Amino acid sequence: MDTLLAAFSDGIDRVFGPPLRAFFHPIDRLFIPISAPWWKACAVALFLCAILWVFSLRKEYVNLDAPRKNLWCDLRLWTVLALSPHITIYLWF
């Protein structure tokens, strides 16, 4: 099983590695001088900006086709819940 997984991983690396490296290498070089805590802070700030933007939208606009007007049908709340694992992962790692 391990050899099959290693062969699959090598195949993926051979096919997708060169174009991904060509795309991400300049971006990696741009971010090398910036320390890791700033990366985390920027990523979390972007997620928090998305949450604030969602809550800046009118409730009537966001929940236009909601079956009920209860709190658990508010899509803005579900956006925050959906982004919470992403924010946790960025803070954790």
C-alpha atoms as a PDB file:
ATOM      1  CA  MET A   1       0.000   0.000   0.000  1.00  0.00           C
ATOM      2  CA  ASP A   2       2.849   2.391   0.828  1.00  0.00           C
ATOM      3  CA  THR A   3       4.568   1.762  -2.500  1.00  0.00           C
ATOM      4  CA  LEU A   4       1.324   2.426  -4.359  1.00  0.00           C
ATOM      5  CA  LEU A   5       0.861   5.673  -2.471  1.00  0.00           C
ATOM      6  CA  ALA A   6       4.482   6.682  -3.129  1.00  0.00           C
ATOM      7  CA  ALA A   7       4.089   5.912  -6.846  1.00  0.00           C
ATOM      8  CA  PHE A   8       0.891   7.956  -6.986  1.00  0.00           C
ATOM      9  CA  SER A   9       2.580  10.850  -5.172  1.00  0.00           C
ATOM     10  CA  ASP A  10       5.574  10.730  -7.536  1.00  0.00           C
ATOM     11  CA  GLY A  11       3.263  10.698 -10.553  1.00  0.00           C
ATOM     12  CA  ILE A  12       1.333  13.712  -9.274  1.00  0.00           C
ATOM     13  CA  ASP A  13       4.625  15.508  -8.616  1.00  0.00           C
ATOM     14  CA  ARG A  14       5.892  14.765 -12.140  1.00  0.00           C
ATOM     15  CA  VAL A  15       2.698  15.970 -13.795  1.00  0.00           C
ATOM     16  CA  PHE A  16       1.705  18.950 -11.662  1.00  0.00           C
ATOM     17  CA  GLY A  17       5.044  19.859 -10.052  1.00  0.00           C
ATOM     18  CA  PRO A  18       6.672  21.858 -12.872  1.00  0.00           C
ATOM     19  CA  PRO A  19       3.726  24.160 -13.665  1.00  0.00           C
ATOM     20  CA  LEU A  20       2.953  24.710  -9.978  1.00  0.00           C
ATOM     21  CA  ARG A  21       6.607  25.474  -9.207  1.00  0.00           C
ATOM     22  CA  ALA A  22       6.738  27.897 -12.142  1.00  0.00           C
ATOM     23  CA  PHE A  23       3.695  29.710 -10.786  1.00  0.00           C
ATOM     24  CA  PHE A  24       4.502  29.669  -7.055  1.00  0.00           C
ATOM     25  CA  HIS A  25       8.289  30.164  -7.144  1.00  0.00           C
ATOM     26  CA  PRO A  26       8.079  33.962  -7.700  1.00  0.00           C
ATOM     27  CA  ILE A  27       5.436  34.218  -4.985  1.00  0.00           C
ATOM     28  CA  ASP A  28       7.602  32.198  -2.583  1.00  0.00           C
ATOM     29  CA  ARG A  29      10.585  34.447  -3.287  1.00  0.00           C
ATOM     30  CA  LEU A  30       8.420  37.480  -2.566  1.00  0.00           C
ATOM     31  CA  PHE A  31       7.371  36.135   0.848  1.00  0.00           C
ATOM     32  CA  ILE A  32      10.751  34.735   1.990  1.00  0.00           C
ATOM     33  CA  PRO A  33      11.834  37.996   3.707  1.00  0.00           C
ATOM     34  CA  ILE A  34       8.547  38.188   5.633  1.00  0.00           C
ATOM     35  CA  SER A  35       8.470  36.225   8.871  1.00  0.00           C
ATOM     36  CA  ALA A  36       5.868  33.525   9.551  1.00  0.00           C
ATOM     37  CA  PRO A  37       3.879  35.404  12.247  1.00  0.00           C
ATOM     38  CA  TRP A  38       3.085  38.100   9.686  1.00  0.00           C
ATOM     39  CA  TRP A  39       1.771  35.472   7.256  1.00  0.00           C
ATOM     40  CA  LYS A  40      -0.601  34.184   9.900  1.00  0.00           C
ATOM     41  CA  ALA A  41      -1.707  37.668  10.847  1.00  0.00           C
ATOM     42  CA  CYS A  42      -2.424  38.574   7.222  1.00  0.00           C
ATOM     43  CA  ALA A  43      -4.361  35.366   6.576  1.00  0.00           C
ATOM     44  CA  VAL A  44      -6.469  35.736   9.717  1.00  0.00           C
ATOM     45  CA  ALA A  45      -7.061  39.419   8.909  1.00  0.00           C
ATOM     46  CA  LEU A  46      -8.384  38.475   5.462  1.00  0.00           C
ATOM     47  CA  PHE A  47     -10.801  35.955   6.989  1.00  0.00           C
ATOM     48  CA  LEU A  48     -11.943  38.490   9.581  1.00  0.00           C
ATOM     49  CA  CYS A  49     -12.474  41.076   6.838  1.00  0.00           C
ATOM     50  CA  ALA A  50     -14.653  38.555   5.001  1.00  0.00           C
ATOM     51  CA  ILE A  51     -16.701  38.010   8.157  1.00  0.00           C
ATOM     52  CA  LEU A  52     -17.114  41.744   8.716  1.00  0.00           C
ATOM     53  CA  TRP A  53     -18.099  42.208   5.085  1.00  0.00           C
ATOM     54  CA  VAL A  54     -20.766  39.504   5.348  1.00  0.00           C
ATOM     55  CA  PHE A  55     -22.240  41.152   8.417  1.00  0.00           C
ATOM     56  CA  SER A  56     -22.244  44.520   6.665  1.00  0.00           C
ATOM     57  CA  LEU A  57     -24.741  43.115   4.146  1.00  0.00           C
ATOM     58  CA  ARG A  58     -28.398  43.634   4.883  1.00  0.00           C
ATOM     59  CA  LYS A  59     -30.081  40.651   6.517  1.00  0.00           C
ATOM     60  CA  GLU A  60     -32.979  40.815   4.054  1.00  0.00           C
ATOM     61  CA  TYR A  61     -30.580  40.610   1.097  1.00  0.00           C
ATOM     62  CA  VAL A  62     -28.555  37.703   2.450  1.00  0.00           C
ATOM     63  CA  ASN A  63     -31.581  35.684   3.567  1.00  0.00           C
ATOM     64  CA  LEU A  64     -33.748  36.403   0.561  1.00  0.00           C
ATOM     65  CA  ASP A  65     -34.750  32.767  -0.058  1.00  0.00           C
ATOM     66  CA  ALA A  66     -34.406  31.500   3.514  1.00  0.00           C
ATOM     67  CA  PRO A  67     -37.285  29.187   4.475  1.00  0.00           C
ATOM     68  CA  ARG A  68     -37.684  30.844   7.883  1.00  0.00           C
ATOM     69  CA  LYS A  69     -36.453  34.013   9.526  1.00  0.00           C
ATOM     70  CA  ASN A  70     -34.983  32.233  12.565  1.00  0.00           C
ATOM     71  CA  LEU A  71     -31.420  32.797  13.735  1.00  0.00           C
ATOM     72  CA  TRP A  72     -30.194  29.403  12.471  1.00  0.00           C
ATOM     73  CA  CYS A  73     -31.462  30.261   8.982  1.00  0.00           C
ATOM     74  CA  ASP A  74     -29.303  33.397   8.839  1.00  0.00           C
ATOM     75  CA  LEU A  75     -26.628  32.710   6.228  1.00  0.00           C
ATOM     76  CA  ARG A  76     -24.318  35.280   7.778  1.00  0.00           C
ATOM     77  CA  LEU A  77     -24.055  33.124  10.896  1.00  0.00           C
ATOM     78  CA  TRP A  78     -23.295  30.044   8.790  1.00  0.00           C
ATOM     79  CA  THR A  79     -20.557  31.980   6.997  1.00  0.00           C
ATOM     80  CA  VAL A  80     -18.862  32.641  10.324  1.00  0.00           C
ATOM     81  CA  LEU A  81     -19.235  28.992  11.309  1.00  0.00           C
ATOM     82  CA  ALA A  82     -17.823  27.862   7.957  1.00  0.00           C
ATOM     83  CA  LEU A  83     -14.805  30.181   8.237  1.00  0.00           C
ATOM     84  CA  SER A  84     -14.040  29.265  11.854  1.00  0.00           C
ATOM     85  CA  PRO A  85     -12.145  26.027  11.030  1.00  0.00           C
ATOM     86  CA  HIS A  86     -10.047  27.885   8.454  1.00  0.00           C
ATOM     87  CA  ILE A  87      -9.129  30.594  10.945  1.00  0.00           C
ATOM     88  CA  THR A  88      -8.317  27.945  13.556  1.00  0.00           C
ATOM     89  CA  ILE A  89      -6.018  26.121  11.144  1.00  0.00           C
ATOM     90  CA  TYR A  90      -4.174  29.321  10.245  1.00  0.00           C
ATOM     91  CA  LEU A  91      -3.743  30.201  13.927  1.00  0.00           C
ATOM     92  CA  TRP A  92      -2.704  26.655  14.847  1.00  0.00           C
ATOM     93  CA  PHE A  93      -0.101  26.084  12.144  1.00  0.00           C
END
